[in-house]
């Protein structure tokens, strides 16, 4: 009986030892696998973050590019002229932004009546000393300038045509132009003499006030 019990106990201990060894091996494998999984998850997370950050920077760059406002440019139908009579007589110059994007105007329009060599002088500043006016004309919006003609000298005589340039940011730069408006062709009676033109304004009232012919 003693020998049998001894053999039985030895077999039980051997089985228990094998079970423990298998359990430890399995635990080690699971631990190693878990570490690998965590590393892989961490690496994937970092990669995603890098992609998101990179994508955000690219989107910001594209957004900045889309927000750049182009210069306005003249045409025979975008720039119109009208003569106002009375004690505060003046010629109103109206620009229409007929595009679906905002555009920029600088300082004042350069106007050469009847093929004059020099443009009409500026009322606010001079070509060499600009005051830096810059306005954004919204899509399908308007901008205005005024030429006071409330004295005999400033009213002068009726003009046949006008060549229009749009000034750039500096005194010597021109963004677009010239285009020529034929007053006879458009059946317009525009009289301008020794006058000056105001800077661009977002409203006709603002332009009239700048020209001294507003209320």
Protein backbone atom coordinates (compact mmCIF):
# COMPACT_ATOMS: atom_id res chain seq x y z
CA UNK A 1 0.00 0.00 0.00
CA UNK A 2 2.78 2.40 0.80
CA UNK A 3 4.56 1.87 -2.53
CA UNK A 4 1.32 2.32 -4.45
CA UNK A 5 0.51 5.55 -2.63
CA UNK A 6 3.98 6.82 -3.29
CA UNK A 7 3.73 6.11 -7.01
CA UNK A 8 0.28 7.69 -7.12
CA UNK A 9 1.53 10.83 -5.39
CA UNK A 10 4.54 11.06 -7.74
CA UNK A 11 2.26 10.84 -10.77
CA UNK A 12 -0.03 13.54 -9.32
CA UNK A 13 2.92 15.87 -8.65
CA UNK A 14 4.22 15.33 -12.18
CA UNK A 15 0.82 16.16 -13.67
CA UNK A 16 0.56 19.26 -11.48
CA UNK A 17 4.04 20.39 -12.54
CA UNK A 18 3.17 19.96 -16.20
CA UNK A 19 -0.07 21.93 -15.70
CA UNK A 20 1.76 24.77 -13.98
CA UNK A 21 4.42 24.89 -16.70
CA UNK A 22 1.75 25.06 -19.41
CA UNK A 23 -0.14 27.80 -17.57
CA UNK A 24 3.05 29.88 -17.17
CA UNK A 25 3.91 29.45 -20.83
CA UNK A 26 0.42 30.49 -21.86
CA UNK A 27 0.55 33.54 -19.56
CA UNK A 28 3.87 34.57 -21.08
CA UNK A 29 2.50 34.28 -24.58
CA UNK A 30 -0.59 36.29 -23.68
CA UNK A 31 1.56 38.96 -22.04
CA UNK A 32 3.88 39.17 -25.07
CA UNK A 33 0.90 39.32 -27.41
CA UNK A 34 -0.74 42.03 -25.30
CA UNK A 35 2.44 44.14 -25.39
CA UNK A 36 2.63 43.75 -29.15
CA UNK A 37 -1.03 44.74 -29.47
CA UNK A 38 -0.50 47.85 -27.31
CA UNK A 39 2.57 48.87 -29.31
CA UNK A 40 0.68 48.38 -32.56
CA UNK A 41 -2.30 50.37 -31.27
CA UNK A 42 -0.03 53.18 -30.07
CA UNK A 43 1.80 53.31 -33.41
CA UNK A 44 -1.49 53.37 -35.32
CA UNK A 45 -2.79 56.17 -33.09
CA UNK A 46 0.36 58.26 -33.67
CA UNK A 47 0.10 57.66 -37.41
CA UNK A 48 -3.51 58.82 -37.41
CA UNK A 49 -2.58 61.93 -35.42
CA UNK A 50 0.17 62.75 -37.88
CA UNK A 51 -2.27 62.36 -40.77
CA UNK A 52 -4.86 64.57 -39.07
CA UNK A 53 -2.29 67.26 -38.26
CA UNK A 54 -0.90 67.15 -41.80
CA UNK A 55 -4.36 67.27 -43.29
CA UNK A 56 -5.29 70.20 -41.06
CA UNK A 57 -2.26 72.18 -42.21
CA UNK A 58 -3.07 71.49 -45.85
CA UNK A 59 -6.68 72.53 -45.32
CA UNK A 60 -5.57 75.74 -43.59
CA UNK A 61 -3.28 76.53 -46.54
CA UNK A 62 -6.08 75.91 -49.01
CA UNK A 63 -8.42 78.09 -46.94
CA UNK A 64 -5.90 80.95 -46.89
CA UNK A 65 -5.46 80.66 -50.67
CA UNK A 66 -9.22 80.75 -51.21
CA UNK A 67 -9.47 83.89 -49.04
CA UNK A 68 -7.07 85.90 -51.22
CA UNK A 69 -9.06 88.74 -52.74
CA UNK A 70 -8.17 89.52 -56.38
CA UNK A 71 -7.90 93.02 -57.83
CA UNK A 72 -10.93 94.52 -59.55
CA UNK A 73 -10.67 95.29 -63.24
CA UNK A 74 -12.58 97.76 -65.41
CA UNK A 75 -14.69 97.19 -68.48
CA UNK A 76 -17.06 99.34 -70.54
CA UNK A 77 -20.06 97.90 -68.75
CA UNK A 78 -18.61 97.69 -65.24
CA UNK A 79 -17.73 101.42 -65.00
CA UNK A 80 -20.52 103.92 -65.62
CA UNK A 81 -20.72 107.72 -65.45
CA UNK A 82 -23.60 110.05 -64.61
CA UNK A 83 -23.78 113.86 -64.39
CA UNK A 84 -25.59 115.45 -61.46
CA UNK A 85 -26.66 119.10 -61.85
CA UNK A 86 -27.43 121.87 -59.37
CA UNK A 87 -25.43 123.72 -56.72
CA UNK A 88 -23.60 120.51 -55.83
CA UNK A 89 -23.03 119.38 -59.38
CA UNK A 90 -20.69 116.44 -59.87
CA UNK A 91 -19.95 113.44 -62.05
CA UNK A 92 -20.50 110.12 -60.32
CA UNK A 93 -18.24 107.22 -61.30
CA UNK A 94 -19.76 103.85 -60.43
CA UNK A 95 -17.99 100.50 -60.58
CA UNK A 96 -19.94 97.25 -60.47
CA UNK A 97 -18.30 93.99 -59.41
CA UNK A 98 -20.23 91.65 -61.69
CA UNK A 99 -18.33 88.55 -60.54
CA UNK A 100 -19.26 86.07 -57.82
CA UNK A 101 -16.10 86.89 -55.80
CA UNK A 102 -15.03 89.92 -53.79
CA UNK A 103 -12.36 92.15 -55.38
CA UNK A 104 -10.10 95.01 -54.26
CA UNK A 105 -9.84 98.62 -55.39
CA UNK A 106 -6.94 100.92 -54.49
CA UNK A 107 -6.91 104.71 -54.13
CA UNK A 108 -8.82 106.30 -57.05
CA UNK A 109 -9.70 105.61 -60.69
CA UNK A 110 -7.26 107.04 -63.24
CA UNK A 111 -9.37 108.95 -65.79
CA UNK A 112 -8.07 110.45 -69.03
CA UNK A 113 -10.79 112.46 -70.74
CA UNK A 114 -10.59 113.06 -74.50
CA UNK A 115 -7.27 111.19 -74.84
CA UNK A 116 -5.51 113.47 -72.34
CA UNK A 117 -1.85 112.62 -71.68
CA UNK A 118 -2.27 112.86 -67.92
CA UNK A 119 -5.11 111.50 -65.81
CA UNK A 120 -7.44 113.72 -63.82
CA UNK A 121 -5.66 114.81 -60.60
CA UNK A 122 -6.60 113.14 -57.33
CA UNK A 123 -8.61 115.11 -54.80
CA UNK A 124 -7.24 113.09 -51.88
CA UNK A 125 -3.45 113.04 -52.08
CA UNK A 126 -1.44 113.12 -55.29
CA UNK A 127 -0.11 110.35 -57.55
CA UNK A 128 3.19 110.56 -55.64
CA UNK A 129 1.62 110.79 -52.19
CA UNK A 130 -1.33 108.45 -51.88
CA UNK A 131 -3.34 108.01 -48.72
CA UNK A 132 -3.51 104.23 -49.14
CA UNK A 133 -7.24 103.82 -49.64
CA UNK A 134 -8.14 100.18 -50.21
CA UNK A 135 -11.68 98.86 -50.29
CA UNK A 136 -13.13 95.42 -50.88
CA UNK A 137 -16.07 95.37 -53.26
CA UNK A 138 -18.37 92.43 -52.48
CA UNK A 139 -19.57 90.08 -55.18
CA UNK A 140 -22.19 91.89 -57.28
CA UNK A 141 -21.55 95.02 -55.17
CA UNK A 142 -20.58 98.59 -56.06
CA UNK A 143 -17.93 101.25 -55.45
CA UNK A 144 -18.10 104.97 -56.18
CA UNK A 145 -15.90 107.99 -56.89
CA UNK A 146 -16.95 111.58 -57.52
CA UNK A 147 -15.66 114.43 -59.72
CA UNK A 148 -16.93 117.76 -58.34
CA UNK A 149 -18.19 120.10 -61.12
CA UNK A 150 -19.92 122.77 -59.03
CA UNK A 151 -18.05 125.74 -60.51
CA UNK A 152 -17.66 126.93 -64.09
CA UNK A 153 -13.96 125.99 -64.12
CA UNK A 154 -14.52 122.48 -62.77
CA UNK A 155 -17.51 121.83 -65.03
CA UNK A 156 -15.66 122.89 -68.16
CA UNK A 157 -16.91 121.43 -71.42
CA UNK A 158 -18.62 118.28 -72.57
CA UNK A 159 -16.30 115.33 -73.02
CA UNK A 160 -16.37 112.77 -75.83
CA UNK A 161 -14.73 109.80 -74.12
CA UNK A 162 -12.70 108.66 -71.13
CA UNK A 163 -9.94 106.04 -70.76
CA UNK A 164 -10.03 104.25 -67.39
CA UNK A 165 -7.19 102.58 -65.49
CA UNK A 166 -7.42 101.09 -62.01
CA UNK A 167 -4.60 102.05 -59.69
CA UNK A 168 -2.53 99.51 -57.82
CA UNK A 169 -1.31 99.60 -54.24
CA UNK A 170 1.61 101.90 -55.07
CA UNK A 171 1.63 105.29 -56.79
CA UNK A 172 3.20 103.96 -59.97
CA UNK A 173 1.33 100.66 -60.33
CA UNK A 174 -1.79 99.97 -62.35
CA UNK A 175 -3.74 96.75 -61.82
CA UNK A 176 -5.90 96.67 -64.94
CA UNK A 177 -6.76 98.88 -67.89
CA UNK A 178 -7.16 100.96 -69.78
CA UNK A 179 -10.64 100.62 -71.20
CA UNK A 180 -12.35 103.45 -73.06
CA UNK A 181 -15.95 104.58 -72.64
CA UNK A 182 -17.41 106.45 -75.62
CA UNK A 183 -19.93 108.93 -74.21
CA UNK A 184 -21.54 109.68 -77.59
CA UNK A 185 -22.06 105.98 -78.22
CA UNK A 186 -23.74 105.62 -74.84
CA UNK A 187 -25.66 108.89 -75.31
CA UNK A 188 -24.12 110.42 -72.21
CA UNK A 189 -23.49 114.13 -71.66
CA UNK A 190 -20.55 114.39 -69.29
CA UNK A 191 -18.89 117.75 -68.65
CA UNK A 192 -15.60 117.91 -66.76
CA UNK A 193 -13.12 120.78 -66.56
CA UNK A 194 -10.31 121.60 -64.14
CA UNK A 195 -11.55 119.26 -61.47
CA UNK A 196 -10.24 116.32 -59.43
CA UNK A 197 -11.52 112.85 -58.63
CA UNK A 198 -12.06 111.42 -55.16
CA UNK A 199 -10.82 108.06 -53.94
CA UNK A 200 -13.07 105.03 -54.20
CA UNK A 201 -15.79 104.73 -51.58
CA UNK A 202 -18.15 101.92 -50.67
CA UNK A 203 -21.13 104.31 -50.93
CA UNK A 204 -22.11 107.19 -53.18
CA UNK A 205 -22.82 109.28 -50.09
CA UNK A 206 -19.27 108.72 -48.82
CA UNK A 207 -17.82 109.70 -52.20
CA UNK A 208 -19.98 112.84 -52.33
CA UNK A 209 -18.86 113.89 -48.86
CA UNK A 210 -15.21 113.35 -49.86
CA UNK A 211 -15.80 115.54 -52.92
CA UNK A 212 -17.49 118.31 -50.92
CA UNK A 213 -20.78 117.87 -52.75
CA UNK A 214 -22.63 115.74 -50.21
CA UNK A 215 -25.41 116.67 -47.81
